[in-house]
Amino acid sequence: MMLPSLQQESAEGEERELLLLESSEEERRQERSSSSYFCLYGYRGCPRRLSQGGENDDGSPRSTSAESPSSDDFSLSLVDTNLLPEAEMELRSYIAKHFAKGSFFEGMGNVASVELSIPESRVGCYYCLLQLEKSSETANLESSNSPSDYVICFLGGSEKGLELFRLELDRYVQDLKINLDSEKNNLETCIKPFLRTWFEDSVCPVQRVVQLFQEKLALLLHAALSCTPVEVKDSNERTKKDIHRFLRAASLQDLVRETTMTSLCIAMTEGQKQVVIDCSGPQPQFHNAGSNKFCEDWMQAFLNGAEGGNPFLFQQILENFKLKQLPVPLKRQGDFQSSC
């Protein structure tokens, strides 16, 4: 991957440290060509068995500890998938083994590499347990066929590539959980469309933003760098969401303490006007925007990455953009070059 020219004076060791991950050419080809898959399972499980209290043989109190669940403690039932039956059964076996190890935490996804009977053979797999809010009525239906919880799996690209989107996918499945929590039978109208568009909604937004703004991307990077508020006008809903997701992903809010980030943003935005992006015309127009050489160099890195058409590569460049900010103080307001 080509890095911006401003880093050319850096030592090779520093550049290797800057890279979040090193993808082989084989992995990158896999990410460009692989399809995306999903699988939703209903999960019914018993609480982890507790060892009985009492005394040990020597008379000392016996500790009460949770044991890891075995395959007899839970069941997985298929709700929806776009995998072929053989691949789905292989995935179910993989998920069951991890449940037996007790390695699931509600709302916190994991990413691994799985080998399935699919054209790609091996793909990255994000999997997450979703525990629904249980009302008194739900508690009385434990013996019914309705699952008490769900396990969601998203598959595509490589493990390293999908790991870059783990936090974004955690947010995505929380939105899915809202639909699953609903008492309405909305599998066809809400849940299935949500599952089928996970790749477009979670992995592709950065790529779409780069393709939309091209050379003007430096202005958007600058807005994220300087914590400047952005208003998007006359845009469709997907484009507006893409832009705000890009801004969130490009900021340091996931890497820096919230209190520190808040103080930093207040200092950076003092006296600055809100950036307005007008999408009413064929090309988006910026108002009250600025840029600098740092952002322009990174903009070029994004445009270079666009030649390969790999959505995972854009996220890697974005993570590198954030990491490069950490050891260097953000540019003073006087360093910014106004541009519209």
C-alpha atoms as a PDB file:
ATOM      1  CA  MET A   1       0.000   0.000   0.000  1.00  0.00           C
ATOM      2  CA  MET A   2       1.329   3.449  -0.880  1.00  0.00           C
ATOM      3  CA  LEU A   3       1.681   5.829   2.041  1.00  0.00           C
ATOM      4  CA  PRO A   4       1.561   9.647   1.717  1.00  0.00           C
ATOM      5  CA  SER A   5       4.703  11.457   0.625  1.00  0.00           C
ATOM      6  CA  LEU A   6       5.017  13.212   3.970  1.00  0.00           C
ATOM      7  CA  GLN A   7       6.099   9.879   5.491  1.00  0.00           C
ATOM      8  CA  GLN A   8       8.875   9.181   3.029  1.00  0.00           C
ATOM      9  CA  GLU A   9      11.492  10.523   5.384  1.00  0.00           C
ATOM     10  CA  SER A  10      10.397   8.069   8.101  1.00  0.00           C
ATOM     11  CA  ALA A  11      12.461   4.994   8.762  1.00  0.00           C
ATOM     12  CA  GLU A  12      11.214   1.699   7.419  1.00  0.00           C
ATOM     13  CA  GLY A  13      10.654   0.428  10.951  1.00  0.00           C
ATOM     14  CA  GLU A  14       8.386   3.367  11.772  1.00  0.00           C
ATOM     15  CA  GLU A  15       6.352   2.748   8.633  1.00  0.00           C
ATOM     16  CA  ARG A  16       5.887  -0.904   9.573  1.00  0.00           C
ATOM     17  CA  GLU A  17       4.745   0.153  13.041  1.00  0.00           C
ATOM     18  CA  LEU A  18       2.303   2.627  11.507  1.00  0.00           C
ATOM     19  CA  LEU A  19       0.564  -0.034   9.451  1.00  0.00           C
ATOM     20  CA  LEU A  20      -2.274  -1.586  11.412  1.00  0.00           C
ATOM     21  CA  LEU A  21      -2.002  -4.837   9.544  1.00  0.00           C
ATOM     22  CA  GLU A  22       0.071  -6.370   6.774  1.00  0.00           C
ATOM     23  CA  SER A  23      -2.139  -8.070   4.224  1.00  0.00           C
ATOM     24  CA  SER A  24      -0.569 -10.484   1.792  1.00  0.00           C
ATOM     25  CA  GLU A  25      -1.393 -10.188  -1.890  1.00  0.00           C
ATOM     26  CA  GLU A  26      -3.416 -13.391  -1.592  1.00  0.00           C
ATOM     27  CA  GLU A  27      -5.510 -11.895   1.231  1.00  0.00           C
ATOM     28  CA  ARG A  28      -6.110  -8.731  -0.753  1.00  0.00           C
ATOM     29  CA  ARG A  29      -7.234 -10.658  -3.806  1.00  0.00           C
ATOM     30  CA  GLN A  30      -9.576 -12.611  -1.532  1.00  0.00           C
ATOM     31  CA  GLU A  31     -11.064  -9.420  -0.111  1.00  0.00           C
ATOM     32  CA  ARG A  32     -11.625  -7.921  -3.557  1.00  0.00           C
ATOM     33  CA  SER A  33     -13.335 -10.988  -4.976  1.00  0.00           C
ATOM     34  CA  SER A  34     -15.113 -12.579  -2.011  1.00  0.00           C
ATOM     35  CA  SER A  35     -18.856 -12.519  -1.563  1.00  0.00           C
ATOM     36  CA  SER A  36     -20.538 -11.682   1.713  1.00  0.00           C
ATOM     37  CA  TYR A  37     -22.599 -14.104   3.755  1.00  0.00           C
ATOM     38  CA  PHE A  38     -24.773 -13.985   6.856  1.00  0.00           C
ATOM     39  CA  CYS A  39     -26.363 -16.426   9.235  1.00  0.00           C
ATOM     40  CA  LEU A  40     -28.821 -15.822  12.067  1.00  0.00           C
ATOM     41  CA  TYR A  41     -29.373 -18.512  14.684  1.00  0.00           C
ATOM     42  CA  GLY A  42     -31.896 -18.727  17.443  1.00  0.00           C
ATOM     43  CA  TYR A  43     -30.146 -19.622  20.687  1.00  0.00           C
ATOM     44  CA  ARG A  44     -31.740 -21.404  23.602  1.00  0.00           C
ATOM     45  CA  GLY A  45     -29.494 -22.096  26.532  1.00  0.00           C
ATOM     46  CA  CYS A  46     -29.534 -22.908  30.208  1.00  0.00           C
ATOM     47  CA  PRO A  47     -27.621 -20.890  32.799  1.00  0.00           C
ATOM     48  CA  ARG A  48     -24.140 -22.152  33.391  1.00  0.00           C
ATOM     49  CA  ARG A  49     -24.149 -24.985  35.839  1.00  0.00           C
ATOM     50  CA  LEU A  50     -22.840 -24.137  39.283  1.00  0.00           C
ATOM     51  CA  SER A  51     -20.895 -26.669  41.249  1.00  0.00           C
ATOM     52  CA  GLN A  52     -22.699 -27.613  44.421  1.00  0.00           C
ATOM     53  CA  GLY A  53     -21.676 -25.903  47.642  1.00  0.00           C
ATOM     54  CA  GLY A  54     -20.734 -27.778  50.750  1.00  0.00           C
ATOM     55  CA  GLU A  55     -17.477 -29.100  52.112  1.00  0.00           C
ATOM     56  CA  ASN A  56     -14.464 -30.740  50.570  1.00  0.00           C
ATOM     57  CA  ASP A  57     -13.107 -34.014  51.884  1.00  0.00           C
ATOM     58  CA  ASP A  58     -10.773 -32.111  54.225  1.00  0.00           C
ATOM     59  CA  GLY A  59     -13.676 -30.160  55.726  1.00  0.00           C
ATOM     60  CA  SER A  60     -12.874 -26.850  53.998  1.00  0.00           C
ATOM     61  CA  PRO A  61     -15.705 -24.964  52.265  1.00  0.00           C
ATOM     62  CA  ARG A  62     -16.193 -25.925  48.644  1.00  0.00           C
ATOM     63  CA  SER A  63     -16.092 -22.911  46.304  1.00  0.00           C
ATOM     64  CA  THR A  64     -19.011 -22.240  43.989  1.00  0.00           C
ATOM     65  CA  SER A  65     -17.826 -21.620  40.434  1.00  0.00           C
ATOM     66  CA  ALA A  66     -19.374 -21.566  37.006  1.00  0.00           C
ATOM     67  CA  GLU A  67     -18.523 -24.314  34.588  1.00  0.00           C
ATOM     68  CA  SER A  68     -18.185 -23.813  30.864  1.00  0.00           C
ATOM     69  CA  PRO A  69     -21.341 -24.911  29.049  1.00  0.00           C
ATOM     70  CA  SER A  70     -21.332 -28.155  27.147  1.00  0.00           C
ATOM     71  CA  SER A  71     -23.213 -28.815  23.916  1.00  0.00           C
ATOM     72  CA  ASP A  72     -26.054 -30.255  26.013  1.00  0.00           C
ATOM     73  CA  ASP A  73     -26.623 -26.860  27.645  1.00  0.00           C
ATOM     74  CA  PHE A  74     -27.802 -25.034  24.524  1.00  0.00           C
ATOM     75  CA  SER A  75     -29.277 -25.430  21.068  1.00  0.00           C
ATOM     76  CA  LEU A  76     -28.881 -23.432  17.856  1.00  0.00           C
ATOM     77  CA  SER A  77     -31.750 -23.228  15.374  1.00  0.00           C
ATOM     78  CA  LEU A  78     -31.399 -21.656  11.936  1.00  0.00           C
ATOM     79  CA  VAL A  79     -33.488 -18.510  11.395  1.00  0.00           C
ATOM     80  CA  ASP A  80     -32.075 -17.185   8.119  1.00  0.00           C
ATOM     81  CA  THR A  81     -28.927 -17.487   5.985  1.00  0.00           C
ATOM     82  CA  ASN A  82     -27.637 -17.156   2.433  1.00  0.00           C
ATOM     83  CA  LEU A  83     -25.158 -20.022   2.904  1.00  0.00           C
ATOM     84  CA  LEU A  84     -25.696 -23.369   1.240  1.00  0.00           C
ATOM     85  CA  PRO A  85     -26.776 -26.163   3.646  1.00  0.00           C
ATOM     86  CA  GLU A  86     -23.349 -27.827   3.853  1.00  0.00           C
ATOM     87  CA  ALA A  87     -21.561 -24.570   4.649  1.00  0.00           C
ATOM     88  CA  GLU A  88     -24.253 -23.593   7.155  1.00  0.00           C
ATOM     89  CA  MET A  89     -23.832 -26.852   9.061  1.00  0.00           C
ATOM     90  CA  GLU A  90     -20.065 -26.329   9.161  1.00  0.00           C
ATOM     91  CA  LEU A  91     -20.565 -22.833  10.526  1.00  0.00           C
ATOM     92  CA  ARG A  92     -23.073 -24.075  13.111  1.00  0.00           C
ATOM     93  CA  SER A  93     -20.557 -26.656  14.293  1.00  0.00           C
ATOM     94  CA  TYR A  94     -17.895 -23.947  14.612  1.00  0.00           C
ATOM     95  CA  ILE A  95     -20.201 -21.653  16.622  1.00  0.00           C
ATOM     96  CA  ALA A  96     -21.300 -24.539  18.869  1.00  0.00           C
ATOM     97  CA  LYS A  97     -17.678 -25.370  19.719  1.00  0.00           C
ATOM     98  CA  HIS A  98     -17.042 -21.780  20.762  1.00  0.00           C
ATOM     99  CA  PHE A  99     -20.186 -21.741  22.868  1.00  0.00           C
ATOM    100  CA  ALA A 100     -18.954 -24.882  24.585  1.00  0.00           C
ATOM    101  CA  LYS A 101     -15.770 -22.977  25.479  1.00  0.00           C
ATOM    102  CA  GLY A 102     -17.818 -20.147  27.000  1.00  0.00           C
ATOM    103  CA  SER A 103     -16.212 -17.528  24.726  1.00  0.00           C
ATOM    104  CA  PHE A 104     -19.334 -15.476  23.937  1.00  0.00           C
ATOM    105  CA  PHE A 105     -20.185 -12.113  25.511  1.00  0.00           C
ATOM    106  CA  GLU A 106     -23.456 -10.338  24.835  1.00  0.00           C
ATOM    107  CA  GLY A 107     -23.164  -7.485  22.361  1.00  0.00           C
ATOM    108  CA  MET A 108     -19.389  -7.857  21.913  1.00  0.00           C
ATOM    109  CA  GLY A 109     -18.499  -9.539  18.654  1.00  0.00           C
ATOM    110  CA  ASN A 110     -15.495 -11.700  17.871  1.00  0.00           C
ATOM    111  CA  VAL A 111     -13.707 -12.110  14.546  1.00  0.00           C
ATOM    112  CA  ALA A 112     -12.067 -15.317  13.382  1.00  0.00           C
ATOM    113  CA  SER A 113     -11.107 -17.140  10.209  1.00  0.00           C
ATOM    114  CA  VAL A 114     -13.352 -20.064   9.283  1.00  0.00           C
ATOM    115  CA  GLU A 115     -13.059 -22.682   6.559  1.00  0.00           C
ATOM    116  CA  LEU A 116     -16.365 -23.536   4.881  1.00  0.00           C
ATOM    117  CA  SER A 117     -17.629 -25.217   1.735  1.00  0.00           C
ATOM    118  CA  ILE A 118     -17.850 -21.955  -0.226  1.00  0.00           C
ATOM    119  CA  PRO A 119     -15.932 -20.681  -3.277  1.00  0.00           C
ATOM    120  CA  GLU A 120     -13.580 -18.627  -1.093  1.00  0.00           C
ATOM    121  CA  SER A 121     -12.900 -21.667   1.143  1.00  0.00           C
ATOM    122  CA  ARG A 122     -11.648 -19.536   4.060  1.00  0.00           C
ATOM    123  CA  VAL A 123     -13.257 -16.236   5.080  1.00  0.00           C
ATOM    124  CA  GLY A 124     -13.357 -13.859   7.991  1.00  0.00           C
ATOM    125  CA  CYS A 125     -16.293 -14.403  10.336  1.00  0.00           C
ATOM    126  CA  TYR A 126     -17.782 -11.896  12.781  1.00  0.00           C
ATOM    127  CA  TYR A 127     -20.060 -13.572  15.345  1.00  0.00           C
ATOM    128  CA  CYS A 128     -21.982 -12.067  18.250  1.00  0.00           C
ATOM    129  CA  LEU A 129     -24.522 -13.134  20.880  1.00  0.00           C
ATOM    130  CA  LEU A 130     -27.628 -10.968  21.234  1.00  0.00           C
ATOM    131  CA  GLN A 131     -29.640 -11.406  24.408  1.00  0.00           C
ATOM    132  CA  LEU A 132     -33.135  -9.989  24.171  1.00  0.00           C
ATOM    133  CA  GLU A 133     -34.979  -8.131  26.879  1.00  0.00           C
ATOM    134  CA  LYS A 134     -37.181 -10.683  28.592  1.00  0.00           C
ATOM    135  CA  SER A 135     -40.599  -9.548  29.734  1.00  0.00           C
ATOM    136  CA  SER A 136     -42.831 -11.538  32.074  1.00  0.00           C
ATOM    137  CA  GLU A 137     -44.738 -12.836  29.040  1.00  0.00           C
ATOM    138  CA  THR A 138     -41.517 -13.994  27.418  1.00  0.00           C
ATOM    139  CA  ALA A 139     -40.497 -15.791  30.580  1.00  0.00           C
ATOM    140  CA  ASN A 140     -43.721 -17.790  30.461  1.00  0.00           C
ATOM    141  CA  LEU A 141     -42.940 -18.913  26.907  1.00  0.00           C
ATOM    142  CA  GLU A 142     -39.676 -20.691  27.668  1.00  0.00           C
ATOM    143  CA  SER A 143     -41.192 -23.964  26.529  1.00  0.00           C
ATOM    144  CA  SER A 144     -42.365 -22.499  23.204  1.00  0.00           C
ATOM    145  CA  ASN A 145     -40.529 -22.744  19.903  1.00  0.00           C
ATOM    146  CA  SER A 146     -39.451 -19.095  20.029  1.00  0.00           C
ATOM    147  CA  PRO A 147     -35.706 -18.661  20.724  1.00  0.00           C
ATOM    148  CA  SER A 148     -34.771 -16.691  23.805  1.00  0.00           C
ATOM    149  CA  ASP A 149     -31.621 -15.174  22.255  1.00  0.00           C
ATOM    150  CA  TYR A 150     -29.842 -14.986  18.910  1.00  0.00           C
ATOM    151  CA  VAL A 151     -26.386 -15.464  17.416  1.00  0.00           C
ATOM    152  CA  ILE A 152     -25.525 -13.388  14.368  1.00  0.00           C
ATOM    153  CA  CYS A 153     -22.703 -14.247  11.952  1.00  0.00           C
ATOM    154  CA  PHE A 154     -21.351 -12.041   9.163  1.00  0.00           C
ATOM    155  CA  LEU A 155     -18.790 -13.540   6.784  1.00  0.00           C
ATOM    156  CA  GLY A 156     -16.615 -11.920   4.128  1.00  0.00           C
ATOM    157  CA  GLY A 157     -13.057 -10.934   3.265  1.00  0.00           C
ATOM    158  CA  SER A 158     -10.241 -12.086   5.527  1.00  0.00           C
ATOM    159  CA  GLU A 159     -10.041 -12.231   9.310  1.00  0.00           C
ATOM    160  CA  LYS A 160      -7.612  -9.290   9.380  1.00  0.00           C
ATOM    161  CA  GLY A 161      -9.792  -7.251   7.068  1.00  0.00           C
ATOM    162  CA  LEU A 162     -13.017  -7.909   8.969  1.00  0.00           C
ATOM    163  CA  GLU A 163     -11.332  -7.154  12.309  1.00  0.00           C
ATOM    164  CA  LEU A 164     -11.048  -3.532  11.160  1.00  0.00           C
ATOM    165  CA  PHE A 165     -14.847  -3.314  11.164  1.00  0.00           C
ATOM    166  CA  ARG A 166     -15.526  -5.095  14.445  1.00  0.00           C
ATOM    167  CA  LEU A 167     -16.618  -1.950  16.326  1.00  0.00           C
ATOM    168  CA  GLU A 168     -18.782  -0.853  13.402  1.00  0.00           C
ATOM    169  CA  LEU A 169     -20.386  -4.307  13.281  1.00  0.00           C
ATOM    170  CA  ASP A 170     -21.002  -4.165  17.045  1.00  0.00           C
ATOM    171  CA  ARG A 171     -23.020  -1.004  16.430  1.00  0.00           C
ATOM    172  CA  TYR A 172     -24.770  -2.582  13.467  1.00  0.00           C
ATOM    173  CA  VAL A 173     -25.971  -5.627  15.400  1.00  0.00           C
ATOM    174  CA  GLN A 174     -27.328  -3.398  18.164  1.00  0.00           C
ATOM    175  CA  ASP A 175     -29.662  -1.908  15.555  1.00  0.00           C
ATOM    176  CA  LEU A 176     -30.579  -5.448  14.539  1.00  0.00           C
ATOM    177  CA  LYS A 177     -31.292  -6.250  18.184  1.00  0.00           C
ATOM    178  CA  ILE A 178     -33.907  -3.497  18.296  1.00  0.00           C
ATOM    179  CA  ASN A 179     -35.825  -5.256  15.525  1.00  0.00           C
ATOM    180  CA  LEU A 180     -35.419  -8.635  17.201  1.00  0.00           C
ATOM    181  CA  ASP A 181     -36.680  -7.170  20.475  1.00  0.00           C
ATOM    182  CA  SER A 182     -39.850  -6.010  18.763  1.00  0.00           C
ATOM    183  CA  GLU A 183     -42.931  -8.077  19.477  1.00  0.00           C
ATOM    184  CA  LYS A 184     -43.962  -7.836  15.827  1.00  0.00           C
ATOM    185  CA  ASN A 185     -43.313 -10.717  13.464  1.00  0.00           C
ATOM    186  CA  ASN A 186     -41.005  -8.655  11.238  1.00  0.00           C
ATOM    187  CA  LEU A 187     -38.583 -11.272   9.933  1.00  0.00           C
ATOM    188  CA  GLU A 188     -39.439 -10.652   6.273  1.00  0.00           C
ATOM    189  CA  THR A 189     -39.975  -6.883   6.425  1.00  0.00           C
ATOM    190  CA  CYS A 190     -37.143  -5.748   8.715  1.00  0.00           C
ATOM    191  CA  ILE A 191     -34.714  -8.433   9.810  1.00  0.00           C
ATOM    192  CA  LYS A 192     -33.957 -10.190   6.510  1.00  0.00           C
ATOM    193  CA  PRO A 193     -33.239  -6.939   4.613  1.00  0.00           C
ATOM    194  CA  PHE A 194     -31.021  -5.867   7.518  1.00  0.00           C
ATOM    195  CA  LEU A 195     -29.042  -9.101   7.271  1.00  0.00           C
ATOM    196  CA  ARG A 196     -28.687  -8.975   3.490  1.00  0.00           C
ATOM    197  CA  THR A 197     -27.272  -5.432   3.432  1.00  0.00           C
ATOM    198  CA  TRP A 198     -24.735  -5.772   6.264  1.00  0.00           C
ATOM    199  CA  PHE A 199     -21.746  -5.610   3.908  1.00  0.00           C
ATOM    200  CA  GLU A 200     -23.014  -2.564   2.006  1.00  0.00           C
ATOM    201  CA  ASP A 201     -24.020  -0.781   5.209  1.00  0.00           C
ATOM    202  CA  SER A 202     -20.961  -1.561   7.373  1.00  0.00           C
ATOM    203  CA  VAL A 203     -17.976  -2.264   5.100  1.00  0.00           C
ATOM    204  CA  CYS A 204     -18.582  -0.119   2.003  1.00  0.00           C
ATOM    205  CA  PRO A 205     -19.397   3.402   3.366  1.00  0.00           C
ATOM    206  CA  VAL A 206     -15.755   4.563   3.420  1.00  0.00           C
ATOM    207  CA  GLN A 207     -15.260   3.379  -0.157  1.00  0.00           C
ATOM    208  CA  ARG A 208     -18.419   5.183  -1.299  1.00  0.00           C
ATOM    209  CA  VAL A 209     -17.309   8.418   0.404  1.00  0.00           C
ATOM    210  CA  VAL A 210     -13.902   8.287  -1.301  1.00  0.00           C
ATOM    211  CA  GLN A 211     -15.562   7.734  -4.681  1.00  0.00           C
ATOM    212  CA  LEU A 212     -18.022  10.582  -4.036  1.00  0.00           C
ATOM    213  CA  PHE A 213     -15.574  13.285  -2.942  1.00  0.00           C
ATOM    214  CA  GLN A 214     -12.390  12.341  -4.853  1.00  0.00           C
ATOM    215  CA  GLU A 215      -9.939  15.304  -4.527  1.00  0.00           C
ATOM    216  CA  LYS A 216     -12.319  17.064  -2.135  1.00  0.00           C
ATOM    217  CA  LEU A 217     -11.821  14.273   0.388  1.00  0.00           C
ATOM    218  CA  ALA A 218      -9.038  16.364   1.969  1.00  0.00           C
ATOM    219  CA  LEU A 219     -11.701  18.825   3.152  1.00  0.00           C
ATOM    220  CA  LEU A 220     -13.624  16.042   4.878  1.00  0.00           C
ATOM    221  CA  LEU A 221     -10.456  14.646   6.474  1.00  0.00           C
ATOM    222  CA  HIS A 222      -9.670  18.120   7.752  1.00  0.00           C
ATOM    223  CA  ALA A 223     -13.132  18.426   9.317  1.00  0.00           C
ATOM    224  CA  ALA A 224     -12.580  15.124  11.157  1.00  0.00           C
ATOM    225  CA  LEU A 225      -9.042  16.128  12.162  1.00  0.00           C
ATOM    226  CA  SER A 226     -10.166  19.466  13.585  1.00  0.00           C
ATOM    227  CA  CYS A 227     -13.373  18.128  15.193  1.00  0.00           C
ATOM    228  CA  THR A 228     -15.387  20.643  13.189  1.00  0.00           C
ATOM    229  CA  PRO A 229     -19.153  19.985  13.129  1.00  0.00           C
ATOM    230  CA  VAL A 230     -20.490  19.102   9.689  1.00  0.00           C
ATOM    231  CA  GLU A 231     -23.962  19.628   8.243  1.00  0.00           C
ATOM    232  CA  VAL A 232     -25.012  17.685   5.126  1.00  0.00           C
ATOM    233  CA  LYS A 233     -27.715  19.338   3.028  1.00  0.00           C
ATOM    234  CA  ASP A 234     -29.925  18.031   0.221  1.00  0.00           C
ATOM    235  CA  SER A 235     -28.576  14.499   0.366  1.00  0.00           C
ATOM    236  CA  ASN A 236     -30.253  11.121   0.335  1.00  0.00           C
ATOM    237  CA  GLU A 237     -30.290   9.231   3.620  1.00  0.00           C
ATOM    238  CA  ARG A 238     -27.598   6.704   2.704  1.00  0.00           C
ATOM    239  CA  THR A 239     -25.105   9.356   1.584  1.00  0.00           C
ATOM    240  CA  LYS A 240     -25.719  11.365   4.745  1.00  0.00           C
ATOM    241  CA  LYS A 241     -25.121   8.281   6.896  1.00  0.00           C
ATOM    242  CA  ASP A 242     -21.993   7.407   4.906  1.00  0.00           C
ATOM    243  CA  ILE A 243     -20.512  10.868   5.470  1.00  0.00           C
ATOM    244  CA  HIS A 244     -21.188  10.860   9.200  1.00  0.00           C
ATOM    245  CA  ARG A 245     -19.831   7.315   9.544  1.00  0.00           C
ATOM    246  CA  PHE A 246     -16.678   8.408   7.740  1.00  0.00           C
ATOM    247  CA  LEU A 247     -16.273  11.393  10.052  1.00  0.00           C
ATOM    248  CA  ARG A 248     -16.754   9.214  13.124  1.00  0.00           C
ATOM    249  CA  ALA A 249     -14.332   6.581  11.823  1.00  0.00           C
ATOM    250  CA  ALA A 250     -11.705   9.201  10.923  1.00  0.00           C
ATOM    251  CA  SER A 251     -11.788  10.903  14.321  1.00  0.00           C
ATOM    252  CA  LEU A 252      -9.846   9.827  17.384  1.00  0.00           C
ATOM    253  CA  GLN A 253     -12.903   9.299  19.560  1.00  0.00           C
ATOM    254  CA  ASP A 254     -12.432   5.502  19.630  1.00  0.00           C
ATOM    255  CA  LEU A 255      -8.733   5.807  20.481  1.00  0.00           C
ATOM    256  CA  VAL A 256      -8.661   8.709  22.939  1.00  0.00           C
ATOM    257  CA  ARG A 257     -10.443   9.026  26.261  1.00  0.00           C
ATOM    258  CA  GLU A 258     -13.802  10.718  25.938  1.00  0.00           C
ATOM    259  CA  THR A 259     -12.933  13.521  28.403  1.00  0.00           C
ATOM    260  CA  THR A 260      -9.646  14.194  26.626  1.00  0.00           C
ATOM    261  CA  MET A 261     -11.353  14.149  23.235  1.00  0.00           C
ATOM    262  CA  THR A 262     -14.054  16.556  24.416  1.00  0.00           C
ATOM    263  CA  SER A 263     -11.512  19.063  25.718  1.00  0.00           C
ATOM    264  CA  LEU A 264      -9.451  18.719  22.547  1.00  0.00           C
ATOM    265  CA  CYS A 265     -12.462  19.295  20.302  1.00  0.00           C
ATOM    266  CA  ILE A 266     -13.532  22.375  22.258  1.00  0.00           C
ATOM    267  CA  ALA A 267     -10.059  23.864  21.864  1.00  0.00           C
ATOM    268  CA  MET A 268      -9.894  23.015  18.167  1.00  0.00           C
ATOM    269  CA  THR A 269     -13.360  24.276  17.199  1.00  0.00           C
ATOM    270  CA  GLU A 270     -13.263  27.539  19.146  1.00  0.00           C
ATOM    271  CA  GLY A 271     -14.010  30.297  16.675  1.00  0.00           C
ATOM    272  CA  GLN A 272     -14.559  27.938  13.742  1.00  0.00           C
ATOM    273  CA  LYS A 273     -17.696  27.882  11.634  1.00  0.00           C
ATOM    274  CA  GLN A 274     -19.699  24.773  10.887  1.00  0.00           C
ATOM    275  CA  VAL A 275     -18.731  23.020   7.658  1.00  0.00           C
ATOM    276  CA  VAL A 276     -21.667  22.693   5.246  1.00  0.00           C
ATOM    277  CA  ILE A 277     -21.708  20.067   2.490  1.00  0.00           C
ATOM    278  CA  ASP A 278     -24.266  20.831  -0.216  1.00  0.00           C
ATOM    279  CA  CYS A 279     -25.229  17.714  -2.179  1.00  0.00           C
ATOM    280  CA  SER A 280     -27.949  19.313  -4.299  1.00  0.00           C
ATOM    281  CA  GLY A 281     -25.807  19.397  -7.443  1.00  0.00           C
ATOM    282  CA  PRO A 282     -23.992  16.708  -9.452  1.00  0.00           C
ATOM    283  CA  GLN A 283     -20.888  17.198  -7.259  1.00  0.00           C
ATOM    284  CA  PRO A 284     -20.895  17.989  -3.515  1.00  0.00           C
ATOM    285  CA  GLN A 285     -19.869  21.534  -2.615  1.00  0.00           C
ATOM    286  CA  PHE A 286     -18.144  22.551   0.630  1.00  0.00           C
ATOM    287  CA  HIS A 287     -18.705  25.793   2.510  1.00  0.00           C
ATOM    288  CA  ASN A 288     -16.562  27.088   5.418  1.00  0.00           C
ATOM    289  CA  ALA A 289     -14.165  24.193   4.841  1.00  0.00           C
ATOM    290  CA  GLY A 290     -10.394  24.044   5.182  1.00  0.00           C
ATOM    291  CA  SER A 291      -7.463  21.802   4.419  1.00  0.00           C
ATOM    292  CA  ASN A 292      -3.730  21.422   4.942  1.00  0.00           C
ATOM    293  CA  LYS A 293      -0.853  19.431   3.487  1.00  0.00           C
ATOM    294  CA  PHE A 294      -1.325  16.600   5.987  1.00  0.00           C
ATOM    295  CA  CYS A 295      -4.898  16.000   4.813  1.00  0.00           C
ATOM    296  CA  GLU A 296      -4.035  16.465   1.146  1.00  0.00           C
ATOM    297  CA  ASP A 297      -1.276  13.829   1.374  1.00  0.00           C
ATOM    298  CA  TRP A 298      -3.652  11.357   3.003  1.00  0.00           C
ATOM    299  CA  MET A 299      -6.321  12.164   0.445  1.00  0.00           C
ATOM    300  CA  GLN A 300      -3.869  10.988  -2.205  1.00  0.00           C
ATOM    301  CA  ALA A 301      -3.345   7.746  -0.294  1.00  0.00           C
ATOM    302  CA  PHE A 302      -7.104   7.107  -0.435  1.00  0.00           C
ATOM    303  CA  LEU A 303      -7.208   7.840  -4.164  1.00  0.00           C
ATOM    304  CA  ASN A 304      -4.291   5.478  -4.750  1.00  0.00           C
ATOM    305  CA  GLY A 305      -6.166   2.795  -2.823  1.00  0.00           C
ATOM    306  CA  ALA A 306      -9.255   3.323  -4.977  1.00  0.00           C
ATOM    307  CA  GLU A 307      -7.467   1.749  -7.926  1.00  0.00           C
ATOM    308  CA  GLY A 308      -7.682  -1.696  -6.321  1.00  0.00           C
ATOM    309  CA  GLY A 309     -11.392  -1.509  -5.495  1.00  0.00           C
ATOM    310  CA  ASN A 310     -10.876  -3.204  -2.100  1.00  0.00           C
ATOM    311  CA  PRO A 311     -13.232  -1.801   0.579  1.00  0.00           C
ATOM    312  CA  PHE A 312     -11.114  -3.309   3.374  1.00  0.00           C
ATOM    313  CA  LEU A 313      -8.058  -1.381   2.186  1.00  0.00           C
ATOM    314  CA  PHE A 314      -9.854   1.955   2.632  1.00  0.00           C
ATOM    315  CA  GLN A 315     -10.536   1.150   6.268  1.00  0.00           C
ATOM    316  CA  GLN A 316      -6.886   0.209   6.776  1.00  0.00           C
ATOM    317  CA  ILE A 317      -5.777   3.546   5.325  1.00  0.00           C
ATOM    318  CA  LEU A 318      -8.282   5.312   7.585  1.00  0.00           C
ATOM    319  CA  GLU A 319      -6.905   3.526  10.663  1.00  0.00           C
ATOM    320  CA  ASN A 320      -3.377   4.496   9.628  1.00  0.00           C
ATOM    321  CA  PHE A 321      -4.565   8.105   9.229  1.00  0.00           C
ATOM    322  CA  LYS A 322      -5.779   8.066  12.833  1.00  0.00           C
ATOM    323  CA  LEU A 323      -2.619   6.410  14.166  1.00  0.00           C
ATOM    324  CA  LYS A 324      -0.460   9.027  12.473  1.00  0.00           C
ATOM    325  CA  GLN A 325      -2.327  11.729  14.387  1.00  0.00           C
ATOM    326  CA  LEU A 326      -1.590  10.256  17.811  1.00  0.00           C
ATOM    327  CA  PRO A 327       2.144  11.024  18.206  1.00  0.00           C
ATOM    328  CA  VAL A 328       1.872  14.437  16.521  1.00  0.00           C
ATOM    329  CA  PRO A 329      -0.137  17.342  18.012  1.00  0.00           C
ATOM    330  CA  LEU A 330      -3.044  18.388  15.861  1.00  0.00           C
ATOM    331  CA  LYS A 331      -2.254  21.348  13.650  1.00  0.00           C
ATOM    332  CA  ARG A 332      -2.859  24.765  15.153  1.00  0.00           C
ATOM    333  CA  GLN A 333      -5.774  26.668  13.742  1.00  0.00           C
ATOM    334  CA  GLY A 334      -3.354  29.124  12.138  1.00  0.00           C
ATOM    335  CA  ASP A 335      -1.863  26.311  10.038  1.00  0.00           C
ATOM    336  CA  PHE A 336      -5.144  25.610   8.249  1.00  0.00           C
ATOM    337  CA  GLN A 337      -5.558  26.786   4.698  1.00  0.00           C
ATOM    338  CA  SER A 338      -9.099  27.861   3.931  1.00  0.00           C
ATOM    339  CA  SER A 339     -10.643  26.208   0.909  1.00  0.00           C
ATOM    340  CA  CYS A 340     -14.129  25.873  -0.501  1.00  0.00           C
END
